[in-house]
Amino acid sequence: MAATKENMTLRMEPELKAQAAALFKSLGMDLSTATGIFYRQALRYHGLPFEVKLDEPNEVTYATMAAAEKDEDMYGPFDSVADMMEELNA
């Protein structure tokens, strides 16, 4: 016996939809199938089927940021991006 299906409306940016549709097409599925897989995995995991977290800088990035704050050769604000890039390339 075939299961009945219901329609669902999702709102998303057109570019995001196009990119996702292209990706899923290359995997042999449409947006509807991919969405169904997402929901099945969410039910299996009892939550989102992937990790959701803030993208925090790592220790190297924090150290570089701290060193940049101490760099007396750097100054700002800059009048233009070109001026900033010139200073960075000096």
C-alpha atoms as a PDB file:
ATOM      1  CA  MET A   1       0.000   0.000   0.000  1.00  0.00           C
ATOM      2  CA  ALA A   2       1.514   3.305  -1.093  1.00  0.00           C
ATOM      3  CA  ALA A   3       1.838   5.988   1.549  1.00  0.00           C
ATOM      4  CA  THR A   4       0.036   9.229   0.907  1.00  0.00           C
ATOM      5  CA  LYS A   5       2.131  12.372   0.655  1.00  0.00           C
ATOM      6  CA  GLU A   6       1.420  15.957   1.555  1.00  0.00           C
ATOM      7  CA  ASN A   7       2.719  19.173   0.058  1.00  0.00           C
ATOM      8  CA  MET A   8       5.028  21.451   2.009  1.00  0.00           C
ATOM      9  CA  THR A   9       6.184  24.975   1.178  1.00  0.00           C
ATOM     10  CA  LEU A  10       9.709  26.102   2.019  1.00  0.00           C
ATOM     11  CA  ARG A  11      10.921  29.662   1.676  1.00  0.00           C
ATOM     12  CA  MET A  12      14.581  30.166   0.754  1.00  0.00           C
ATOM     13  CA  GLU A  13      16.771  32.386  -1.332  1.00  0.00           C
ATOM     14  CA  PRO A  14      16.583  31.554  -5.063  1.00  0.00           C
ATOM     15  CA  GLU A  15      20.370  31.163  -5.368  1.00  0.00           C
ATOM     16  CA  LEU A  16      20.468  28.743  -2.418  1.00  0.00           C
ATOM     17  CA  LYS A  17      17.662  26.710  -3.980  1.00  0.00           C
ATOM     18  CA  ALA A  18      19.428  26.600  -7.353  1.00  0.00           C
ATOM     19  CA  GLN A  19      22.738  25.532  -5.810  1.00  0.00           C
ATOM     20  CA  ALA A  20      21.072  22.848  -3.695  1.00  0.00           C
ATOM     21  CA  ALA A  21      19.030  21.578  -6.654  1.00  0.00           C
ATOM     22  CA  ALA A  22      22.199  21.290  -8.758  1.00  0.00           C
ATOM     23  CA  LEU A  23      24.033  19.434  -5.983  1.00  0.00           C
ATOM     24  CA  PHE A  24      21.191  16.996  -5.369  1.00  0.00           C
ATOM     25  CA  LYS A  25      20.709  16.446  -9.112  1.00  0.00           C
ATOM     26  CA  SER A  26      24.360  15.402  -9.348  1.00  0.00           C
ATOM     27  CA  LEU A  27      23.582  12.904  -6.569  1.00  0.00           C
ATOM     28  CA  GLY A  28      20.604  11.568  -8.528  1.00  0.00           C
ATOM     29  CA  MET A  29      17.804  13.130  -6.509  1.00  0.00           C
ATOM     30  CA  ASP A  30      15.509  16.138  -6.504  1.00  0.00           C
ATOM     31  CA  LEU A  31      14.866  18.680  -3.734  1.00  0.00           C
ATOM     32  CA  SER A  32      11.865  16.725  -2.477  1.00  0.00           C
ATOM     33  CA  THR A  33      13.869  13.524  -2.056  1.00  0.00           C
ATOM     34  CA  ALA A  34      16.754  15.367  -0.383  1.00  0.00           C
ATOM     35  CA  THR A  35      14.358  17.087   2.020  1.00  0.00           C
ATOM     36  CA  GLY A  36      12.796  13.733   2.888  1.00  0.00           C
ATOM     37  CA  ILE A  37      16.242  12.286   3.593  1.00  0.00           C
ATOM     38  CA  PHE A  38      17.000  15.246   5.869  1.00  0.00           C
ATOM     39  CA  TYR A  39      13.823  14.648   7.897  1.00  0.00           C
ATOM     40  CA  ARG A  40      14.465  10.913   8.141  1.00  0.00           C
ATOM     41  CA  GLN A  41      17.991  11.541   9.402  1.00  0.00           C
ATOM     42  CA  ALA A  42      16.731  14.148  11.893  1.00  0.00           C
ATOM     43  CA  LEU A  43      14.287  11.582  13.276  1.00  0.00           C
ATOM     44  CA  ARG A  44      17.035   8.957  13.433  1.00  0.00           C
ATOM     45  CA  TYR A  45      19.385  11.308  15.330  1.00  0.00           C
ATOM     46  CA  HIS A  46      16.601  12.871  17.420  1.00  0.00           C
ATOM     47  CA  GLY A  47      17.835  16.296  16.290  1.00  0.00           C
ATOM     48  CA  LEU A  48      19.723  17.860  13.462  1.00  0.00           C
ATOM     49  CA  PRO A  49      21.779  15.251  11.621  1.00  0.00           C
ATOM     50  CA  PHE A  50      24.884  17.417  11.722  1.00  0.00           C
ATOM     51  CA  GLU A  51      26.740  19.542  14.233  1.00  0.00           C
ATOM     52  CA  VAL A  52      25.531  23.129  14.628  1.00  0.00           C
ATOM     53  CA  LYS A  53      27.992  25.512  16.243  1.00  0.00           C
ATOM     54  CA  LEU A  54      29.509  28.932  15.983  1.00  0.00           C
ATOM     55  CA  ASP A  55      32.571  29.119  13.766  1.00  0.00           C
ATOM     56  CA  GLU A  56      35.095  30.197  16.367  1.00  0.00           C
ATOM     57  CA  PRO A  57      38.661  31.119  15.424  1.00  0.00           C
ATOM     58  CA  ASN A  58      41.288  28.583  16.479  1.00  0.00           C
ATOM     59  CA  GLU A  59      44.290  29.272  18.741  1.00  0.00           C
ATOM     60  CA  VAL A  60      46.554  30.238  15.844  1.00  0.00           C
ATOM     61  CA  THR A  61      44.033  32.800  14.620  1.00  0.00           C
ATOM     62  CA  TYR A  62      43.621  34.277  18.103  1.00  0.00           C
ATOM     63  CA  ALA A  63      47.421  34.530  18.479  1.00  0.00           C
ATOM     64  CA  THR A  64      47.714  36.231  15.096  1.00  0.00           C
ATOM     65  CA  MET A  65      44.948  38.667  15.997  1.00  0.00           C
ATOM     66  CA  ALA A  66      46.674  39.515  19.293  1.00  0.00           C
ATOM     67  CA  ALA A  67      50.002  40.048  17.497  1.00  0.00           C
ATOM     68  CA  ALA A  68      48.327  42.308  14.940  1.00  0.00           C
ATOM     69  CA  GLU A  69      46.851  44.456  17.720  1.00  0.00           C
ATOM     70  CA  LYS A  70      50.374  45.013  19.098  1.00  0.00           C
ATOM     71  CA  ASP A  71      51.888  45.847  15.680  1.00  0.00           C
ATOM     72  CA  GLU A  72      52.704  49.551  15.867  1.00  0.00           C
ATOM     73  CA  ASP A  73      53.483  49.714  12.149  1.00  0.00           C
ATOM     74  CA  MET A  74      49.833  49.135  11.350  1.00  0.00           C
ATOM     75  CA  TYR A  75      47.533  52.063  11.697  1.00  0.00           C
ATOM     76  CA  GLY A  76      43.977  52.876  10.820  1.00  0.00           C
ATOM     77  CA  PRO A  77      41.355  53.654   9.964  1.00  0.00           C
ATOM     78  CA  PHE A  78      42.403  53.708   6.333  1.00  0.00           C
ATOM     79  CA  ASP A  79      41.027  56.096   3.747  1.00  0.00           C
ATOM     80  CA  SER A  80      40.578  53.310   1.221  1.00  0.00           C
ATOM     81  CA  VAL A  81      41.022  49.605   0.701  1.00  0.00           C
ATOM     82  CA  ALA A  82      43.959  50.410  -1.595  1.00  0.00           C
ATOM     83  CA  ASP A  83      45.697  52.282   1.268  1.00  0.00           C
ATOM     84  CA  MET A  84      45.108  49.374   3.619  1.00  0.00           C
ATOM     85  CA  MET A  85      46.429  46.846   1.083  1.00  0.00           C
ATOM     86  CA  GLU A  86      49.491  48.995   0.472  1.00  0.00           C
ATOM     87  CA  GLU A  87      50.214  49.003   4.202  1.00  0.00           C
ATOM     88  CA  LEU A  88      49.681  45.256   4.452  1.00  0.00           C
ATOM     89  CA  ASN A  89      52.043  44.618   1.552  1.00  0.00           C
ATOM     90  CA  ALA A  90      54.748  46.928   2.942  1.00  0.00           C
END
